[in-house]
């Protein structure tokens, strides 16, 4: 069986430079919004790099990470999954 390595090209954007130096996750338990609803059915977690809000991805039923961007206009999130190291800018629709 073959294994494949996928390289994600990262671009730069002005929003990354405006982020705080470090931000702590609001929760390590899971999507804060799903947990408030009594649910745990998220697919993957994302963390806002402006405020640390932890929310579920767009493959999850409630898509709370995107909803957080819409409500807060915090532009950049990162994967909050173990072993993943990538960021997404909602404004530029790009991996940064």
N, C-alpha and C. Protein backbone atom coordinates (compact mmCIF):
# COMPACT_ATOMS: atom_id res chain seq x y z
N UNK A 1 0.84 -1.17 0.00
CA UNK A 1 0.00 0.00 0.00
C UNK A 1 0.89 1.24 0.00
N UNK A 2 0.55 2.21 -0.82
CA UNK A 2 1.29 3.46 -0.88
C UNK A 2 0.77 4.43 0.17
N UNK A 3 1.68 5.24 0.65
CA UNK A 3 1.24 6.34 1.51
C UNK A 3 1.60 7.64 0.80
N UNK A 4 0.79 8.63 1.01
CA UNK A 4 0.98 9.90 0.34
C UNK A 4 1.18 11.00 1.38
N UNK A 5 2.00 11.94 1.05
CA UNK A 5 2.22 13.10 1.89
C UNK A 5 1.65 14.30 1.15
N UNK A 6 0.78 15.02 1.80
CA UNK A 6 0.19 16.20 1.18
C UNK A 6 0.82 17.43 1.80
N UNK A 7 1.39 18.27 0.97
CA UNK A 7 1.99 19.50 1.44
C UNK A 7 1.00 20.63 1.21
N UNK A 8 0.66 21.33 2.29
CA UNK A 8 -0.24 22.47 2.16
C UNK A 8 0.60 23.72 1.96
N UNK A 9 0.33 24.43 0.89
CA UNK A 9 1.03 25.69 0.63
C UNK A 9 0.43 26.76 1.53
N UNK A 10 1.29 27.44 2.25
CA UNK A 10 0.83 28.52 3.10
C UNK A 10 1.16 29.84 2.44
N UNK A 11 0.22 30.73 2.48
CA UNK A 11 0.48 32.07 1.99
C UNK A 11 0.50 33.01 3.18
N UNK A 12 0.88 34.21 2.95
CA UNK A 12 0.85 35.18 4.03
C UNK A 12 -0.33 36.11 3.81
N UNK A 13 -0.81 36.67 4.89
CA UNK A 13 -1.88 37.66 4.78
C UNK A 13 -1.69 38.67 5.89
N UNK A 14 -2.28 39.82 5.73
CA UNK A 14 -2.12 40.90 6.71
C UNK A 14 -2.76 40.56 8.05
N UNK A 15 -3.72 39.64 8.05
CA UNK A 15 -4.43 39.31 9.28
C UNK A 15 -3.56 38.56 10.27
N UNK A 16 -2.63 37.75 9.78
CA UNK A 16 -1.74 36.99 10.67
C UNK A 16 -0.87 37.94 11.47
N UNK A 17 -0.37 38.99 10.85
CA UNK A 17 0.49 39.95 11.53
C UNK A 17 -0.22 40.72 12.63
N UNK A 18 -1.54 40.79 12.57
CA UNK A 18 -2.31 41.53 13.57
C UNK A 18 -2.75 40.66 14.75
N UNK A 19 -2.39 39.38 14.74
CA UNK A 19 -2.81 38.47 15.82
C UNK A 19 -1.99 38.70 17.08
N UNK A 20 -2.56 38.41 18.25
CA UNK A 20 -1.77 38.47 19.48
C UNK A 20 -0.64 37.45 19.43
N UNK A 21 0.42 37.69 20.19
CA UNK A 21 1.58 36.79 20.20
C UNK A 21 1.19 35.38 20.62
N UNK A 22 0.32 35.26 21.60
CA UNK A 22 -0.13 33.94 22.08
C UNK A 22 -1.55 34.08 22.62
N UNK A 23 -2.31 33.04 22.46
CA UNK A 23 -3.68 33.02 22.98
C UNK A 23 -3.95 31.61 23.51
N UNK A 24 -4.56 31.54 24.68
CA UNK A 24 -4.87 30.25 25.30
C UNK A 24 -6.25 29.79 24.84
N UNK A 25 -6.44 28.48 24.66
CA UNK A 25 -7.77 27.99 24.28
C UNK A 25 -8.79 28.24 25.39
N UNK A 26 -9.97 28.63 24.99
CA UNK A 26 -11.07 28.88 25.92
C UNK A 26 -11.47 27.58 26.64
N UNK A 27 -11.30 26.46 25.96
CA UNK A 27 -11.66 25.15 26.51
C UNK A 27 -10.76 24.10 25.89
N UNK A 28 -10.48 23.06 26.64
CA UNK A 28 -9.78 21.91 26.07
C UNK A 28 -10.73 20.72 25.98
N UNK A 29 -11.98 20.94 26.35
CA UNK A 29 -12.99 19.87 26.37
C UNK A 29 -13.66 19.65 25.02
N UNK A 30 -13.69 20.69 24.17
CA UNK A 30 -14.36 20.56 22.89
C UNK A 30 -14.99 21.86 22.47
N UNK A 31 -15.89 21.78 21.50
CA UNK A 31 -16.57 22.97 20.99
C UNK A 31 -17.41 23.59 22.10
N UNK A 32 -17.08 24.80 22.46
CA UNK A 32 -17.76 25.49 23.56
C UNK A 32 -19.25 25.63 23.27
N UNK A 33 -19.59 25.94 22.03
CA UNK A 33 -21.00 26.15 21.67
C UNK A 33 -21.79 24.85 21.66
N UNK A 34 -21.19 23.77 21.15
CA UNK A 34 -21.86 22.46 21.19
C UNK A 34 -22.05 21.99 22.63
N UNK A 35 -21.02 22.16 23.45
CA UNK A 35 -21.12 21.74 24.85
C UNK A 35 -22.24 22.50 25.56
N UNK A 36 -22.41 23.79 25.24
CA UNK A 36 -23.48 24.59 25.84
C UNK A 36 -24.86 24.06 25.43
N UNK A 37 -24.93 23.40 24.27
CA UNK A 37 -26.19 22.79 23.80
C UNK A 37 -26.36 21.36 24.31
N UNK A 38 -25.36 20.86 25.04
CA UNK A 38 -25.40 19.48 25.52
C UNK A 38 -25.02 18.47 24.45
N UNK A 39 -24.33 18.91 23.41
CA UNK A 39 -23.96 18.03 22.30
C UNK A 39 -22.45 17.83 22.24
N UNK A 40 -22.05 16.70 21.66
CA UNK A 40 -20.63 16.39 21.47
C UNK A 40 -20.40 15.77 20.09
N UNK A 41 -21.18 16.17 19.11
CA UNK A 41 -21.16 15.51 17.81
C UNK A 41 -20.37 16.29 16.75
N UNK A 42 -19.30 16.95 17.15
CA UNK A 42 -18.48 17.67 16.18
C UNK A 42 -17.53 16.72 15.47
N UNK A 43 -17.10 17.11 14.27
CA UNK A 43 -16.14 16.31 13.50
C UNK A 43 -14.71 16.68 13.88
N UNK A 44 -14.40 17.97 13.84
CA UNK A 44 -13.06 18.46 14.15
C UNK A 44 -13.18 19.80 14.87
N UNK A 45 -12.13 20.15 15.60
CA UNK A 45 -12.15 21.40 16.36
C UNK A 45 -11.20 22.43 15.76
N UNK A 46 -11.58 23.68 15.92
CA UNK A 46 -10.78 24.82 15.47
C UNK A 46 -10.67 25.81 16.64
N UNK A 47 -9.58 26.58 16.67
CA UNK A 47 -9.40 27.58 17.72
C UNK A 47 -9.15 28.94 17.09
N UNK A 48 -9.90 29.93 17.54
CA UNK A 48 -9.73 31.31 17.08
C UNK A 48 -8.40 31.84 17.60
N UNK A 49 -7.60 32.40 16.73
CA UNK A 49 -6.29 32.92 17.14
C UNK A 49 -6.36 34.36 17.63
N UNK A 50 -7.55 34.95 17.65
CA UNK A 50 -7.72 36.27 18.25
C UNK A 50 -8.12 36.17 19.71
N UNK A 51 -9.01 35.21 20.03
CA UNK A 51 -9.54 35.15 21.39
C UNK A 51 -9.48 33.78 22.06
N UNK A 52 -9.12 32.73 21.32
CA UNK A 52 -9.02 31.39 21.90
C UNK A 52 -10.31 30.59 21.91
N UNK A 53 -11.36 31.12 21.30
CA UNK A 53 -12.64 30.40 21.25
C UNK A 53 -12.45 29.08 20.51
N UNK A 54 -12.90 27.98 21.11
CA UNK A 54 -12.79 26.65 20.50
C UNK A 54 -14.17 26.28 19.95
N UNK A 55 -14.20 25.93 18.66
CA UNK A 55 -15.47 25.66 18.01
C UNK A 55 -15.32 24.55 16.97
N UNK A 56 -16.44 24.04 16.51
CA UNK A 56 -16.44 22.92 15.56
C UNK A 56 -16.31 23.41 14.12
N UNK A 57 -15.81 22.52 13.27
CA UNK A 57 -15.50 22.83 11.87
C UNK A 57 -16.76 22.79 10.99
N UNK A 58 -16.57 23.11 9.72
CA UNK A 58 -17.68 23.12 8.77
C UNK A 58 -18.18 21.73 8.40
N UNK A 59 -17.47 20.68 8.77
CA UNK A 59 -17.95 19.31 8.57
C UNK A 59 -18.84 18.86 9.72
N UNK A 60 -18.95 19.68 10.74
CA UNK A 60 -19.79 19.40 11.91
C UNK A 60 -21.18 19.98 11.67
N UNK A 61 -22.20 19.42 12.34
CA UNK A 61 -23.56 19.88 12.10
C UNK A 61 -23.79 21.38 12.31
N UNK A 62 -23.17 21.97 13.32
CA UNK A 62 -23.46 23.37 13.65
C UNK A 62 -22.48 24.38 13.08
N UNK A 63 -21.31 23.95 12.62
CA UNK A 63 -20.34 24.84 11.99
C UNK A 63 -20.04 26.08 12.85
N UNK A 64 -19.79 25.86 14.14
CA UNK A 64 -19.62 26.97 15.06
C UNK A 64 -18.37 27.82 14.81
N UNK A 65 -17.30 27.27 14.26
CA UNK A 65 -16.11 28.08 14.00
C UNK A 65 -16.42 29.17 12.97
N UNK A 66 -17.12 28.81 11.91
CA UNK A 66 -17.49 29.80 10.90
C UNK A 66 -18.50 30.79 11.48
N UNK A 67 -19.41 30.32 12.32
CA UNK A 67 -20.37 31.21 12.97
C UNK A 67 -19.63 32.20 13.88
N UNK A 68 -18.58 31.74 14.56
CA UNK A 68 -17.79 32.63 15.41
C UNK A 68 -17.13 33.72 14.57
N UNK A 69 -16.58 33.36 13.42
CA UNK A 69 -16.01 34.37 12.53
C UNK A 69 -17.08 35.38 12.12
N UNK A 70 -18.25 34.90 11.74
CA UNK A 70 -19.33 35.79 11.31
C UNK A 70 -19.75 36.77 12.40
N UNK A 71 -19.79 36.30 13.64
CA UNK A 71 -20.22 37.15 14.75
C UNK A 71 -19.12 38.08 15.25
N UNK A 72 -17.88 37.60 15.23
CA UNK A 72 -16.77 38.35 15.85
C UNK A 72 -15.88 39.08 14.86
N UNK A 73 -15.88 38.60 13.61
CA UNK A 73 -14.96 39.08 12.58
C UNK A 73 -13.50 38.80 12.94
N UNK A 74 -13.25 37.82 13.82
CA UNK A 74 -11.88 37.37 14.10
C UNK A 74 -11.46 36.53 12.90
N UNK A 75 -10.44 36.96 12.14
CA UNK A 75 -10.20 36.38 10.82
C UNK A 75 -9.47 35.05 10.75
N UNK A 76 -8.63 34.71 11.73
CA UNK A 76 -7.76 33.53 11.57
C UNK A 76 -8.03 32.52 12.67
N UNK A 77 -8.16 31.26 12.27
CA UNK A 77 -8.28 30.16 13.22
C UNK A 77 -7.21 29.14 12.89
N UNK A 78 -7.00 28.23 13.83
CA UNK A 78 -6.09 27.12 13.57
C UNK A 78 -6.79 25.82 13.92
N UNK A 79 -6.26 24.75 13.37
CA UNK A 79 -6.78 23.44 13.75
C UNK A 79 -6.49 23.22 15.22
N UNK A 80 -7.43 22.66 15.93
CA UNK A 80 -7.23 22.32 17.35
C UNK A 80 -7.22 20.80 17.50
N UNK A 81 -6.79 20.13 16.43
CA UNK A 81 -6.67 18.68 16.43
C UNK A 81 -5.23 18.27 16.71
N UNK A 82 -5.02 17.22 17.50
CA UNK A 82 -3.66 16.75 17.79
C UNK A 82 -2.90 16.42 16.50
N UNK A 83 -1.66 16.88 16.43
CA UNK A 83 -0.81 16.58 15.28
C UNK A 83 -1.03 17.46 14.06
N UNK A 84 -1.98 18.37 14.11
CA UNK A 84 -2.22 19.26 12.98
C UNK A 84 -1.68 20.65 13.29
N UNK A 85 -1.04 21.26 12.29
CA UNK A 85 -0.42 22.57 12.48
C UNK A 85 -0.70 23.43 11.26
N UNK A 86 -1.92 23.92 11.14
CA UNK A 86 -2.27 24.80 10.04
C UNK A 86 -3.27 25.84 10.52
N UNK A 87 -3.30 26.96 9.80
CA UNK A 87 -4.20 28.07 10.11
C UNK A 87 -5.01 28.43 8.87
N UNK A 88 -6.19 28.96 9.09
CA UNK A 88 -7.07 29.37 8.00
C UNK A 88 -7.49 30.81 8.22
N UNK A 89 -7.37 31.63 7.17
CA UNK A 89 -7.87 33.00 7.22
C UNK A 89 -9.22 33.02 6.50
N UNK A 90 -10.27 33.35 7.24
CA UNK A 90 -11.61 33.41 6.64
C UNK A 90 -11.72 34.54 5.63
N UNK A 91 -11.09 35.66 5.90
CA UNK A 91 -11.19 36.82 5.01
C UNK A 91 -10.55 36.52 3.66
N UNK A 92 -9.35 35.94 3.69
CA UNK A 92 -8.62 35.65 2.45
C UNK A 92 -8.91 34.26 1.89
N UNK A 93 -9.72 33.47 2.59
CA UNK A 93 -10.03 32.09 2.17
C UNK A 93 -8.77 31.33 1.80
N UNK A 94 -7.82 31.31 2.75
CA UNK A 94 -6.52 30.70 2.45
C UNK A 94 -5.88 30.10 3.69
N UNK A 95 -5.09 29.07 3.46
CA UNK A 95 -4.23 28.52 4.51
C UNK A 95 -3.07 29.48 4.66
N UNK A 96 -2.84 29.94 5.88
CA UNK A 96 -1.79 30.95 6.12
C UNK A 96 -0.80 30.48 7.17
